[in-house]
Amino acid sequence: MIREFQANDLSRIMELWLETNIQAHDFIRKSYWQDHFDAVMELLPKASVYVYEDKGSIAGFIGLMNNYIAGIFISKENQSRGIGSQLLHYVKGNHNELTLKVYEKNQRAVDFYLREGFLVTEKQEDMETGEVEYEMVWNRTC
């Protein structure tokens, strides 16, 4: 079931955020994510966040700032079960265009977004990490 974020979800959401970033981005030092934890925790309630709940437990979430997808985060044990696609389709239903950034080395995520109709519009270096990232865009007319 997909539902809107509630304040009491914050702890589990942040746990998922940290675990998933460390797992998906093993090419970036773990401390980078740990150092950004507090800032993300402060910003997250200001975003539009939708959680995927399964049997009373949060299995994943998607966060947006307007039409920018800040990320889709799915617990390790729930990956490859279609939860990310369901969350993405949920927000696609309310937007005509969505953008995001994804690291080039995160091939699994790049492939996922390409399958979901996103196109790479720009390739650039993330100044904080030194890693190459893609800006990707989806719009209803693609």
N, C-alpha and C. Protein backbone atom coordinates (compact mmCIF):
# COMPACT_ATOMS: atom_id res chain seq x y z
N MET A 1 0.84 -1.18 0.00
CA MET A 1 0.00 0.00 0.00
C MET A 1 0.89 1.24 0.00
N ILE A 2 0.57 2.18 -0.85
CA ILE A 2 1.29 3.45 -0.91
C ILE A 2 0.48 4.50 -0.18
N ARG A 3 1.16 5.23 0.68
CA ARG A 3 0.50 6.29 1.45
C ARG A 3 1.47 7.46 1.65
N GLU A 4 0.92 8.57 2.09
CA GLU A 4 1.75 9.74 2.37
C GLU A 4 2.56 9.53 3.65
N PHE A 5 3.71 10.15 3.67
CA PHE A 5 4.61 10.16 4.82
C PHE A 5 3.89 10.73 6.04
N GLN A 6 4.15 10.13 7.19
CA GLN A 6 3.66 10.64 8.47
C GLN A 6 4.87 10.88 9.37
N ALA A 7 4.76 11.81 10.29
CA ALA A 7 5.89 12.20 11.14
C ALA A 7 6.53 11.01 11.85
N ASN A 8 5.72 10.04 12.26
CA ASN A 8 6.29 8.89 12.98
C ASN A 8 7.02 7.91 12.07
N ASP A 9 7.04 8.18 10.75
CA ASP A 9 7.79 7.37 9.79
C ASP A 9 9.25 7.79 9.70
N LEU A 10 9.59 8.96 10.22
CA LEU A 10 10.89 9.56 9.97
C LEU A 10 12.06 8.65 10.34
N SER A 11 12.01 8.00 11.47
CA SER A 11 13.11 7.15 11.90
C SER A 11 13.37 6.02 10.90
N ARG A 12 12.32 5.31 10.49
CA ARG A 12 12.47 4.20 9.55
C ARG A 12 12.89 4.70 8.18
N ILE A 13 12.35 5.84 7.76
CA ILE A 13 12.70 6.42 6.47
C ILE A 13 14.20 6.76 6.43
N MET A 14 14.69 7.36 7.49
CA MET A 14 16.10 7.74 7.53
C MET A 14 17.00 6.51 7.60
N GLU A 15 16.57 5.49 8.28
CA GLU A 15 17.31 4.23 8.31
C GLU A 15 17.43 3.66 6.90
N LEU A 16 16.31 3.64 6.18
CA LEU A 16 16.31 3.17 4.79
C LEU A 16 17.19 4.05 3.90
N TRP A 17 17.09 5.35 4.08
CA TRP A 17 17.89 6.28 3.28
C TRP A 17 19.38 5.98 3.42
N LEU A 18 19.84 5.83 4.66
CA LEU A 18 21.26 5.61 4.90
C LEU A 18 21.71 4.24 4.38
N GLU A 19 20.98 3.20 4.75
CA GLU A 19 21.35 1.84 4.33
C GLU A 19 21.37 1.71 2.80
N THR A 20 20.36 2.23 2.16
CA THR A 20 20.25 2.09 0.71
C THR A 20 21.32 2.89 -0.01
N ASN A 21 21.61 4.09 0.46
CA ASN A 21 22.66 4.89 -0.17
C ASN A 21 24.02 4.22 -0.05
N ILE A 22 24.33 3.69 1.12
CA ILE A 22 25.61 3.02 1.32
C ILE A 22 25.71 1.78 0.43
N GLN A 23 24.63 1.03 0.34
CA GLN A 23 24.60 -0.19 -0.48
C GLN A 23 24.71 0.13 -1.97
N ALA A 24 23.93 1.08 -2.44
CA ALA A 24 23.86 1.38 -3.89
C ALA A 24 25.07 2.17 -4.38
N HIS A 25 25.73 2.86 -3.47
CA HIS A 25 26.83 3.74 -3.86
C HIS A 25 28.13 3.33 -3.17
N ASP A 26 28.51 2.09 -3.35
CA ASP A 26 29.74 1.61 -2.70
C ASP A 26 31.00 2.28 -3.25
N PHE A 27 30.86 3.05 -4.30
CA PHE A 27 31.96 3.80 -4.90
C PHE A 27 32.14 5.17 -4.23
N ILE A 28 31.26 5.50 -3.28
CA ILE A 28 31.37 6.74 -2.51
C ILE A 28 31.61 6.36 -1.06
N ARG A 29 32.50 7.07 -0.41
CA ARG A 29 32.82 6.71 0.97
C ARG A 29 31.58 6.77 1.87
N LYS A 30 31.47 5.81 2.74
CA LYS A 30 30.33 5.68 3.65
C LYS A 30 30.12 6.96 4.47
N SER A 31 31.20 7.59 4.87
CA SER A 31 31.10 8.80 5.70
C SER A 31 30.39 9.94 4.99
N TYR A 32 30.42 9.96 3.65
CA TYR A 32 29.71 11.00 2.91
C TYR A 32 28.22 10.97 3.27
N TRP A 33 27.65 9.77 3.25
CA TRP A 33 26.22 9.63 3.56
C TRP A 33 25.95 9.91 5.03
N GLN A 34 26.82 9.44 5.89
CA GLN A 34 26.67 9.68 7.33
C GLN A 34 26.75 11.17 7.64
N ASP A 35 27.66 11.88 6.95
CA ASP A 35 27.82 13.32 7.17
C ASP A 35 26.60 14.12 6.71
N HIS A 36 25.83 13.59 5.75
CA HIS A 36 24.65 14.29 5.23
C HIS A 36 23.35 13.87 5.91
N PHE A 37 23.43 12.92 6.82
CA PHE A 37 22.25 12.36 7.47
C PHE A 37 21.37 13.42 8.12
N ASP A 38 21.96 14.27 8.96
CA ASP A 38 21.17 15.27 9.69
C ASP A 38 20.51 16.28 8.76
N ALA A 39 21.22 16.71 7.73
CA ALA A 39 20.65 17.68 6.79
C ALA A 39 19.46 17.07 6.05
N VAL A 40 19.59 15.81 5.64
CA VAL A 40 18.49 15.14 4.94
C VAL A 40 17.31 14.96 5.89
N MET A 41 17.58 14.60 7.14
CA MET A 41 16.51 14.40 8.11
C MET A 41 15.73 15.71 8.33
N GLU A 42 16.42 16.82 8.26
CA GLU A 42 15.75 18.12 8.42
C GLU A 42 14.92 18.48 7.19
N LEU A 43 15.44 18.15 5.99
CA LEU A 43 14.75 18.50 4.74
C LEU A 43 13.60 17.56 4.40
N LEU A 44 13.72 16.31 4.78
CA LEU A 44 12.77 15.28 4.35
C LEU A 44 11.31 15.62 4.65
N PRO A 45 10.99 16.10 5.85
CA PRO A 45 9.57 16.42 6.10
C PRO A 45 9.03 17.57 5.24
N LYS A 46 9.93 18.35 4.61
CA LYS A 46 9.50 19.45 3.75
C LYS A 46 9.23 18.97 2.32
N ALA A 47 9.64 17.74 2.02
CA ALA A 47 9.45 17.17 0.69
C ALA A 47 8.11 16.45 0.63
N SER A 48 7.73 16.06 -0.58
CA SER A 48 6.57 15.17 -0.75
C SER A 48 7.13 13.76 -0.70
N VAL A 49 6.75 13.02 0.32
CA VAL A 49 7.28 11.67 0.51
C VAL A 49 6.12 10.69 0.56
N TYR A 50 6.28 9.61 -0.19
CA TYR A 50 5.28 8.55 -0.23
C TYR A 50 5.96 7.25 0.15
N VAL A 51 5.34 6.52 1.06
CA VAL A 51 5.92 5.27 1.54
C VAL A 51 5.14 4.08 1.01
N TYR A 52 5.86 3.01 0.84
CA TYR A 52 5.25 1.73 0.48
C TYR A 52 5.27 0.89 1.75
N GLU A 53 4.09 0.59 2.25
CA GLU A 53 3.96 -0.17 3.48
C GLU A 53 3.45 -1.56 3.16
N ASP A 54 4.10 -2.56 3.75
CA ASP A 54 3.73 -3.95 3.54
C ASP A 54 3.61 -4.63 4.89
N LYS A 55 2.43 -5.07 5.23
CA LYS A 55 2.17 -5.75 6.50
C LYS A 55 2.64 -4.91 7.69
N GLY A 56 2.35 -3.62 7.64
CA GLY A 56 2.66 -2.73 8.75
C GLY A 56 4.10 -2.25 8.80
N SER A 57 4.90 -2.63 7.84
CA SER A 57 6.31 -2.24 7.82
C SER A 57 6.61 -1.44 6.56
N ILE A 58 7.43 -0.41 6.68
CA ILE A 58 7.80 0.41 5.53
C ILE A 58 8.89 -0.32 4.76
N ALA A 59 8.58 -0.68 3.51
CA ALA A 59 9.52 -1.41 2.66
C ALA A 59 10.29 -0.47 1.74
N GLY A 60 9.78 0.74 1.55
CA GLY A 60 10.45 1.69 0.67
C GLY A 60 9.74 3.03 0.66
N PHE A 61 10.37 3.99 -0.01
CA PHE A 61 9.74 5.31 -0.15
C PHE A 61 10.33 6.05 -1.33
N ILE A 62 9.61 7.05 -1.76
CA ILE A 62 10.07 7.97 -2.80
C ILE A 62 9.91 9.38 -2.26
N GLY A 63 10.91 10.22 -2.54
CA GLY A 63 10.87 11.60 -2.09
C GLY A 63 10.97 12.56 -3.26
N LEU A 64 10.14 13.59 -3.25
CA LEU A 64 10.13 14.58 -4.33
C LEU A 64 10.18 15.99 -3.77
N MET A 65 10.84 16.85 -4.53
CA MET A 65 10.79 18.29 -4.29
C MET A 65 10.21 18.86 -5.59
N ASN A 66 8.94 19.21 -5.55
CA ASN A 66 8.19 19.61 -6.75
C ASN A 66 8.22 18.46 -7.75
N ASN A 67 8.88 18.63 -8.91
CA ASN A 67 8.92 17.54 -9.88
C ASN A 67 10.28 16.84 -9.93
N TYR A 68 11.13 17.11 -8.94
CA TYR A 68 12.45 16.49 -8.84
C TYR A 68 12.40 15.30 -7.89
N ILE A 69 12.76 14.13 -8.40
CA ILE A 69 12.80 12.93 -7.56
C ILE A 69 14.14 12.93 -6.82
N ALA A 70 14.08 13.13 -5.52
CA ALA A 70 15.29 13.12 -4.71
C ALA A 70 15.79 11.70 -4.51
N GLY A 71 14.93 10.72 -4.71
CA GLY A 71 15.36 9.34 -4.63
C GLY A 71 14.22 8.37 -4.38
N ILE A 72 14.49 7.14 -4.78
CA ILE A 72 13.61 6.02 -4.46
C ILE A 72 14.47 5.07 -3.64
N PHE A 73 13.99 4.70 -2.49
CA PHE A 73 14.77 3.88 -1.57
C PHE A 73 13.94 2.67 -1.16
N ILE A 74 14.46 1.49 -1.46
CA ILE A 74 13.78 0.24 -1.16
C ILE A 74 14.69 -0.60 -0.28
N SER A 75 14.16 -1.17 0.78
CA SER A 75 14.99 -2.00 1.66
C SER A 75 15.59 -3.15 0.86
N LYS A 76 16.78 -3.58 1.28
CA LYS A 76 17.52 -4.62 0.54
C LYS A 76 16.68 -5.87 0.32
N GLU A 77 15.97 -6.29 1.35
CA GLU A 77 15.17 -7.52 1.26
C GLU A 77 13.93 -7.37 0.38
N ASN A 78 13.57 -6.14 0.03
CA ASN A 78 12.39 -5.90 -0.80
C ASN A 78 12.71 -5.43 -2.21
N GLN A 79 13.99 -5.36 -2.57
CA GLN A 79 14.37 -4.92 -3.90
C GLN A 79 14.01 -6.00 -4.92
N SER A 80 13.79 -5.55 -6.14
CA SER A 80 13.43 -6.41 -7.28
C SER A 80 12.07 -7.10 -7.09
N ARG A 81 11.18 -6.44 -6.36
CA ARG A 81 9.82 -6.95 -6.18
C ARG A 81 8.78 -6.02 -6.79
N GLY A 82 9.23 -5.00 -7.52
CA GLY A 82 8.31 -4.09 -8.18
C GLY A 82 7.88 -2.90 -7.34
N ILE A 83 8.41 -2.77 -6.13
CA ILE A 83 8.00 -1.67 -5.24
C ILE A 83 8.45 -0.32 -5.78
N GLY A 84 9.68 -0.25 -6.28
CA GLY A 84 10.17 1.00 -6.86
C GLY A 84 9.33 1.44 -8.04
N SER A 85 8.96 0.49 -8.89
CA SER A 85 8.10 0.81 -10.05
C SER A 85 6.74 1.31 -9.59
N GLN A 86 6.19 0.68 -8.58
CA GLN A 86 4.88 1.11 -8.07
C GLN A 86 4.94 2.53 -7.52
N LEU A 87 6.00 2.83 -6.76
CA LEU A 87 6.15 4.18 -6.22
C LEU A 87 6.32 5.20 -7.35
N LEU A 88 7.13 4.85 -8.34
CA LEU A 88 7.36 5.75 -9.45
C LEU A 88 6.09 5.99 -10.25
N HIS A 89 5.34 4.94 -10.53
CA HIS A 89 4.08 5.08 -11.27
C HIS A 89 3.07 5.92 -10.48
N TYR A 90 3.11 5.79 -9.17
CA TYR A 90 2.23 6.58 -8.31
C TYR A 90 2.48 8.07 -8.51
N VAL A 91 3.75 8.48 -8.50
CA VAL A 91 4.04 9.91 -8.66
C VAL A 91 3.90 10.35 -10.12
N LYS A 92 4.14 9.45 -11.07
CA LYS A 92 3.93 9.80 -12.47
C LYS A 92 2.47 10.19 -12.70
N GLY A 93 1.57 9.59 -11.96
CA GLY A 93 0.16 9.89 -12.11
C GLY A 93 -0.21 11.31 -11.75
N ASN A 94 0.64 11.98 -10.99
CA ASN A 94 0.36 13.34 -10.54
C ASN A 94 1.28 14.39 -11.16
N HIS A 95 2.11 13.98 -12.12
CA HIS A 95 3.06 14.90 -12.73
C HIS A 95 3.10 14.71 -14.25
N ASN A 96 3.36 15.80 -14.95
CA ASN A 96 3.57 15.71 -16.39
C ASN A 96 5.04 15.56 -16.74
N GLU A 97 5.90 15.94 -15.81
CA GLU A 97 7.34 15.81 -16.01
C GLU A 97 8.01 15.54 -14.68
N LEU A 98 9.03 14.69 -14.71
CA LEU A 98 9.83 14.38 -13.53
C LEU A 98 11.30 14.42 -13.93
N THR A 99 12.14 14.92 -13.03
CA THR A 99 13.58 14.92 -13.26
C THR A 99 14.27 14.26 -12.08
N LEU A 100 15.51 13.86 -12.29
CA LEU A 100 16.31 13.27 -11.22
C LEU A 100 17.76 13.28 -11.62
N LYS A 101 18.62 12.98 -10.67
CA LYS A 101 20.04 12.78 -10.94
C LYS A 101 20.40 11.41 -10.39
N VAL A 102 21.26 10.71 -11.13
CA VAL A 102 21.69 9.37 -10.74
C VAL A 102 23.15 9.22 -11.13
N TYR A 103 23.91 8.58 -10.26
CA TYR A 103 25.32 8.37 -10.55
C TYR A 103 25.49 7.37 -11.69
N GLU A 104 26.40 7.69 -12.59
CA GLU A 104 26.69 6.82 -13.73
C GLU A 104 27.07 5.40 -13.27
N LYS A 105 27.82 5.31 -12.17
CA LYS A 105 28.27 4.00 -11.67
C LYS A 105 27.14 3.19 -11.03
N ASN A 106 26.02 3.82 -10.75
CA ASN A 106 24.87 3.10 -10.18
C ASN A 106 24.06 2.53 -11.35
N GLN A 107 24.66 1.58 -12.04
CA GLN A 107 24.09 1.05 -13.29
C GLN A 107 22.70 0.46 -13.09
N ARG A 108 22.47 -0.16 -11.95
CA ARG A 108 21.15 -0.75 -11.68
C ARG A 108 20.07 0.33 -11.71
N ALA A 109 20.36 1.47 -11.08
CA ALA A 109 19.38 2.56 -11.05
C ALA A 109 19.25 3.20 -12.44
N VAL A 110 20.36 3.39 -13.13
CA VAL A 110 20.31 3.96 -14.48
C VAL A 110 19.42 3.09 -15.37
N ASP A 111 19.65 1.79 -15.34
CA ASP A 111 18.84 0.87 -16.15
C ASP A 111 17.36 0.92 -15.77
N PHE A 112 17.08 1.01 -14.48
CA PHE A 112 15.70 1.10 -13.99
C PHE A 112 15.01 2.33 -14.58
N TYR A 113 15.65 3.48 -14.47
CA TYR A 113 15.03 4.70 -14.96
C TYR A 113 14.88 4.70 -16.49
N LEU A 114 15.85 4.15 -17.19
CA LEU A 114 15.71 4.04 -18.64
C LEU A 114 14.52 3.16 -19.01
N ARG A 115 14.34 2.03 -18.31
CA ARG A 115 13.18 1.16 -18.54
C ARG A 115 11.88 1.88 -18.26
N GLU A 116 11.92 2.81 -17.32
CA GLU A 116 10.72 3.54 -16.92
C GLU A 116 10.46 4.77 -17.79
N GLY A 117 11.21 4.93 -18.87
CA GLY A 117 10.92 6.00 -19.81
C GLY A 117 11.69 7.29 -19.60
N PHE A 118 12.66 7.30 -18.70
CA PHE A 118 13.48 8.49 -18.50
C PHE A 118 14.56 8.54 -19.57
N LEU A 119 14.95 9.76 -19.94
CA LEU A 119 16.01 9.98 -20.91
C LEU A 119 17.14 10.76 -20.25
N VAL A 120 18.37 10.44 -20.59
CA VAL A 120 19.51 11.19 -20.09
C VAL A 120 19.58 12.50 -20.85
N THR A 121 19.56 13.61 -20.12
CA THR A 121 19.60 14.92 -20.76
C THR A 121 20.92 15.64 -20.52
N GLU A 122 21.67 15.20 -19.52
CA GLU A 122 22.94 15.85 -19.22
C GLU A 122 23.83 14.88 -18.46
N LYS A 123 25.13 15.03 -18.67
CA LYS A 123 26.13 14.26 -17.94
C LYS A 123 27.07 15.26 -17.32
N GLN A 124 27.29 15.16 -16.01
CA GLN A 124 28.10 16.16 -15.32
C GLN A 124 28.81 15.52 -14.14
N GLU A 125 29.71 16.27 -13.53
CA GLU A 125 30.41 15.79 -12.34
C GLU A 125 29.74 16.37 -11.10
N ASP A 126 29.44 15.50 -10.15
CA ASP A 126 28.94 15.95 -8.85
C ASP A 126 30.15 16.53 -8.10
N MET A 127 30.10 17.82 -7.83
CA MET A 127 31.25 18.50 -7.24
C MET A 127 31.58 17.99 -5.84
N GLU A 128 30.60 17.51 -5.10
CA GLU A 128 30.86 17.02 -3.74
C GLU A 128 31.56 15.66 -3.73
N THR A 129 31.17 14.78 -4.64
CA THR A 129 31.71 13.42 -4.62
C THR A 129 32.77 13.19 -5.70
N GLY A 130 32.80 14.04 -6.72
CA GLY A 130 33.71 13.84 -7.83
C GLY A 130 33.24 12.77 -8.81
N GLU A 131 32.05 12.23 -8.59
CA GLU A 131 31.49 11.17 -9.43
C GLU A 131 30.66 11.76 -10.57
N VAL A 132 30.66 11.06 -11.69
CA VAL A 132 29.85 11.46 -12.83
C VAL A 132 28.40 11.08 -12.55
N GLU A 133 27.50 12.01 -12.85
CA GLU A 133 26.08 11.73 -12.67
C GLU A 133 25.33 12.15 -13.93
N TYR A 134 24.20 11.50 -14.11
CA TYR A 134 23.31 11.83 -15.21
C TYR A 134 22.13 12.62 -14.66
N GLU A 135 21.71 13.62 -15.42
CA GLU A 135 20.41 14.22 -15.17
C GLU A 135 19.47 13.51 -16.13
N MET A 136 18.35 13.05 -15.62
CA MET A 136 17.39 12.32 -16.43
C MET A 136 16.02 12.97 -16.31
N VAL A 137 15.26 12.89 -17.40
CA VAL A 137 13.93 13.51 -17.44
C VAL A 137 12.92 12.52 -18.01
N TRP A 138 11.75 12.54 -17.42
CA TRP A 138 10.60 11.80 -17.95
C TRP A 138 9.50 12.83 -18.14
N ASN A 139 8.78 12.71 -19.25
CA ASN A 139 7.56 13.49 -19.37
C ASN A 139 6.49 12.65 -20.05
N ARG A 140 5.29 13.04 -19.78
CA ARG A 140 4.12 12.26 -20.22
C ARG A 140 4.08 12.06 -21.74
N THR A 141 4.70 12.94 -22.49
CA THR A 141 4.64 12.83 -23.95
C THR A 141 5.72 11.91 -24.53
N CYS A 142 6.64 11.40 -23.71
CA CYS A 142 7.71 10.51 -24.21
C CYS A 142 7.13 9.20 -24.69
